[in-house]
Amino acid sequence: MSSISLTCPKCQGSMVQGFIADFADMGVNAIVSTWVEGQPKSSFLFGTKTPGDKRIPVGTYRCSACGYLESYARPEFERQ
């Protein structure tokens, strides 16, 4: 990922790619956090509507020296 710096902006340590696990279903299965474009809208059955064409997975980088986290919403962070 060439547009993301792999050097920590706080301490210049090395950044390691990862993700924030979302355990929305009582901690049974982890899913990748997702950024959704627009205002949140209520859904009777699902809590909040999340249109598929407006969702982008979020990847997070963590500094191995100081622990600083930096997140990006990009299609390539989709689980494989």
N, C-alpha and C. Protein backbone atom coordinates (compact mmCIF):
# COMPACT_ATOMS: atom_id res chain seq x y z
N MET A 1 0.85 -1.17 0.00
CA MET A 1 0.00 0.00 0.00
C MET A 1 0.89 1.23 0.00
N SER A 2 1.16 1.77 -1.15
CA SER A 2 2.14 2.82 -1.31
C SER A 2 1.74 4.16 -0.72
N SER A 3 0.44 4.48 -0.60
CA SER A 3 0.03 5.79 -0.12
C SER A 3 -0.01 5.88 1.40
N ILE A 4 0.20 4.77 2.11
CA ILE A 4 0.17 4.78 3.57
C ILE A 4 1.60 4.65 4.07
N SER A 5 2.00 5.58 4.91
CA SER A 5 3.34 5.55 5.47
C SER A 5 3.45 4.43 6.49
N LEU A 6 4.50 3.67 6.44
CA LEU A 6 4.72 2.60 7.40
C LEU A 6 5.63 3.05 8.53
N THR A 7 5.76 4.37 8.70
CA THR A 7 6.50 4.97 9.80
C THR A 7 5.53 5.73 10.68
N CYS A 8 5.60 5.51 11.98
CA CYS A 8 4.70 6.16 12.92
C CYS A 8 4.86 7.68 12.88
N PRO A 9 3.75 8.43 12.74
CA PRO A 9 3.84 9.89 12.72
C PRO A 9 4.15 10.48 14.09
N LYS A 10 4.04 9.68 15.15
CA LYS A 10 4.29 10.18 16.51
C LYS A 10 5.74 9.98 16.94
N CYS A 11 6.30 8.76 16.69
CA CYS A 11 7.64 8.45 17.21
C CYS A 11 8.59 7.91 16.16
N GLN A 12 8.14 7.78 14.92
CA GLN A 12 8.92 7.25 13.79
C GLN A 12 9.24 5.76 13.93
N GLY A 13 8.47 5.03 14.77
CA GLY A 13 8.62 3.58 14.87
C GLY A 13 7.99 2.88 13.67
N SER A 14 8.12 1.57 13.60
CA SER A 14 7.55 0.79 12.49
C SER A 14 6.07 0.53 12.72
N MET A 15 5.26 0.72 11.65
CA MET A 15 3.83 0.45 11.71
C MET A 15 3.56 -0.95 11.19
N VAL A 16 2.69 -1.69 11.90
CA VAL A 16 2.34 -3.06 11.55
C VAL A 16 0.86 -3.09 11.18
N GLN A 17 0.53 -3.70 10.03
CA GLN A 17 -0.86 -3.77 9.58
C GLN A 17 -1.65 -4.77 10.41
N GLY A 18 -2.91 -4.43 10.68
CA GLY A 18 -3.84 -5.31 11.39
C GLY A 18 -5.26 -4.81 11.16
N PHE A 19 -6.17 -5.18 12.05
CA PHE A 19 -7.54 -4.69 11.95
C PHE A 19 -8.17 -4.67 13.33
N ILE A 20 -9.23 -3.90 13.49
CA ILE A 20 -10.00 -3.86 14.73
C ILE A 20 -11.10 -4.89 14.58
N ALA A 21 -11.07 -5.91 15.42
CA ALA A 21 -12.08 -6.97 15.35
C ALA A 21 -13.37 -6.48 15.99
N ASP A 22 -14.48 -6.72 15.32
CA ASP A 22 -15.80 -6.34 15.81
C ASP A 22 -16.52 -7.63 16.21
N PHE A 23 -16.86 -7.74 17.49
CA PHE A 23 -17.54 -8.94 18.01
C PHE A 23 -19.01 -8.63 18.29
N ALA A 24 -19.72 -8.14 17.29
CA ALA A 24 -21.10 -7.70 17.43
C ALA A 24 -22.07 -8.83 17.77
N ASP A 25 -21.72 -10.07 17.45
CA ASP A 25 -22.65 -11.18 17.69
C ASP A 25 -22.29 -11.94 18.97
N MET A 26 -22.19 -11.23 20.08
CA MET A 26 -21.91 -11.82 21.40
C MET A 26 -20.53 -12.46 21.48
N GLY A 27 -19.57 -12.00 20.68
CA GLY A 27 -18.21 -12.47 20.77
C GLY A 27 -17.92 -13.80 20.12
N VAL A 28 -18.86 -14.35 19.35
CA VAL A 28 -18.66 -15.65 18.72
C VAL A 28 -17.78 -15.54 17.48
N ASN A 29 -18.06 -14.62 16.59
CA ASN A 29 -17.32 -14.46 15.35
C ASN A 29 -16.82 -13.03 15.23
N ALA A 30 -15.56 -12.87 14.87
CA ALA A 30 -15.01 -11.53 14.65
C ALA A 30 -15.22 -11.14 13.20
N ILE A 31 -15.59 -9.88 12.98
CA ILE A 31 -15.69 -9.34 11.64
C ILE A 31 -14.80 -8.11 11.55
N VAL A 32 -14.45 -7.71 10.35
CA VAL A 32 -13.63 -6.52 10.14
C VAL A 32 -14.52 -5.29 10.26
N SER A 33 -14.05 -4.28 10.99
CA SER A 33 -14.80 -3.03 11.10
C SER A 33 -15.00 -2.43 9.72
N THR A 34 -16.09 -1.69 9.56
CA THR A 34 -16.46 -1.15 8.27
C THR A 34 -16.87 0.31 8.40
N TRP A 35 -16.40 1.14 7.47
CA TRP A 35 -16.84 2.52 7.38
C TRP A 35 -18.01 2.56 6.41
N VAL A 36 -19.08 3.30 6.77
CA VAL A 36 -20.28 3.39 5.92
C VAL A 36 -20.53 4.86 5.60
N GLU A 37 -20.64 5.17 4.32
CA GLU A 37 -20.88 6.55 3.89
C GLU A 37 -22.27 7.02 4.28
N GLY A 38 -22.39 8.27 4.70
CA GLY A 38 -23.68 8.89 4.98
C GLY A 38 -24.06 8.86 6.45
N GLN A 39 -25.23 9.41 6.73
CA GLN A 39 -25.78 9.45 8.09
C GLN A 39 -26.33 8.08 8.47
N PRO A 40 -26.19 7.65 9.73
CA PRO A 40 -26.79 6.38 10.14
C PRO A 40 -28.32 6.48 10.12
N LYS A 41 -28.95 5.42 9.60
CA LYS A 41 -30.42 5.37 9.54
C LYS A 41 -30.89 4.11 10.24
N SER A 42 -31.92 4.24 11.05
CA SER A 42 -32.45 3.12 11.82
C SER A 42 -33.06 2.05 10.92
N SER A 43 -32.90 0.80 11.36
CA SER A 43 -33.52 -0.35 10.71
C SER A 43 -34.24 -1.13 11.79
N PHE A 44 -35.49 -1.46 11.57
CA PHE A 44 -36.29 -2.16 12.58
C PHE A 44 -35.66 -3.49 12.98
N LEU A 45 -35.19 -4.27 12.02
CA LEU A 45 -34.65 -5.59 12.31
C LEU A 45 -33.16 -5.60 12.65
N PHE A 46 -32.37 -4.69 12.05
CA PHE A 46 -30.91 -4.78 12.16
C PHE A 46 -30.26 -3.64 12.93
N GLY A 47 -31.01 -2.74 13.53
CA GLY A 47 -30.43 -1.64 14.29
C GLY A 47 -30.08 -0.44 13.43
N THR A 48 -29.19 -0.63 12.46
CA THR A 48 -28.78 0.45 11.57
C THR A 48 -28.65 -0.10 10.15
N LYS A 49 -29.20 0.63 9.19
CA LYS A 49 -29.09 0.23 7.78
C LYS A 49 -27.65 0.45 7.31
N THR A 50 -27.12 -0.53 6.59
CA THR A 50 -25.77 -0.41 6.02
C THR A 50 -25.79 -0.89 4.58
N PRO A 51 -26.11 0.01 3.63
CA PRO A 51 -26.17 -0.38 2.23
C PRO A 51 -24.82 -0.91 1.75
N GLY A 52 -24.84 -2.06 1.07
CA GLY A 52 -23.62 -2.72 0.62
C GLY A 52 -22.72 -1.87 -0.25
N ASP A 53 -23.30 -1.02 -1.09
CA ASP A 53 -22.48 -0.21 -1.99
C ASP A 53 -21.86 0.99 -1.28
N LYS A 54 -22.18 1.20 -0.02
CA LYS A 54 -21.65 2.33 0.74
C LYS A 54 -20.67 1.88 1.83
N ARG A 55 -20.31 0.59 1.88
CA ARG A 55 -19.44 0.05 2.93
C ARG A 55 -18.01 -0.15 2.42
N ILE A 56 -17.05 0.24 3.27
CA ILE A 56 -15.63 0.04 2.96
C ILE A 56 -14.96 -0.53 4.21
N PRO A 57 -14.25 -1.66 4.09
CA PRO A 57 -13.58 -2.24 5.25
C PRO A 57 -12.46 -1.33 5.77
N VAL A 58 -12.24 -1.39 7.09
CA VAL A 58 -11.23 -0.56 7.75
C VAL A 58 -10.05 -1.41 8.17
N GLY A 59 -8.87 -0.99 7.79
CA GLY A 59 -7.62 -1.61 8.23
C GLY A 59 -6.93 -0.65 9.18
N THR A 60 -6.22 -1.17 10.15
CA THR A 60 -5.56 -0.33 11.15
C THR A 60 -4.09 -0.71 11.26
N TYR A 61 -3.26 0.29 11.34
CA TYR A 61 -1.82 0.10 11.54
C TYR A 61 -1.50 0.47 12.98
N ARG A 62 -0.63 -0.32 13.64
CA ARG A 62 -0.22 -0.07 15.02
C ARG A 62 1.29 0.11 15.06
N CYS A 63 1.73 1.13 15.78
CA CYS A 63 3.16 1.36 15.93
C CYS A 63 3.71 0.32 16.91
N SER A 64 4.75 -0.39 16.48
CA SER A 64 5.35 -1.41 17.34
C SER A 64 6.15 -0.80 18.49
N ALA A 65 6.46 0.49 18.41
CA ALA A 65 7.21 1.15 19.48
C ALA A 65 6.31 1.81 20.53
N CYS A 66 5.35 2.64 20.09
CA CYS A 66 4.54 3.40 21.05
C CYS A 66 3.07 2.97 21.12
N GLY A 67 2.62 2.13 20.18
CA GLY A 67 1.24 1.65 20.21
C GLY A 67 0.22 2.54 19.51
N TYR A 68 0.66 3.63 18.93
CA TYR A 68 -0.26 4.52 18.21
C TYR A 68 -1.00 3.75 17.13
N LEU A 69 -2.31 4.00 16.96
CA LEU A 69 -3.12 3.36 15.94
C LEU A 69 -3.54 4.38 14.88
N GLU A 70 -3.51 3.94 13.62
CA GLU A 70 -3.96 4.78 12.52
C GLU A 70 -4.78 3.91 11.58
N SER A 71 -6.03 4.33 11.32
CA SER A 71 -6.95 3.51 10.53
C SER A 71 -7.25 4.14 9.18
N TYR A 72 -7.51 3.26 8.19
CA TYR A 72 -7.84 3.67 6.83
C TYR A 72 -8.99 2.82 6.32
N ALA A 73 -9.94 3.43 5.62
CA ALA A 73 -11.03 2.72 4.97
C ALA A 73 -10.65 2.55 3.50
N ARG A 74 -10.35 1.29 3.12
CA ARG A 74 -9.92 1.01 1.74
C ARG A 74 -10.42 -0.38 1.35
N PRO A 75 -10.81 -0.56 0.08
CA PRO A 75 -11.34 -1.85 -0.37
C PRO A 75 -10.38 -3.02 -0.17
N GLU A 76 -9.07 -2.80 -0.25
CA GLU A 76 -8.14 -3.91 -0.12
C GLU A 76 -8.05 -4.49 1.29
N PHE A 77 -8.73 -3.87 2.27
CA PHE A 77 -8.75 -4.41 3.62
C PHE A 77 -9.86 -5.45 3.82
N GLU A 78 -10.61 -5.74 2.77
CA GLU A 78 -11.65 -6.77 2.85
C GLU A 78 -11.01 -8.09 3.26
N ARG A 79 -11.72 -8.86 4.09
CA ARG A 79 -11.14 -10.16 4.51
C ARG A 79 -11.00 -11.09 3.32
N GLN A 80 -10.01 -11.97 3.42
CA GLN A 80 -9.70 -12.85 2.29
C GLN A 80 -9.98 -14.28 2.63
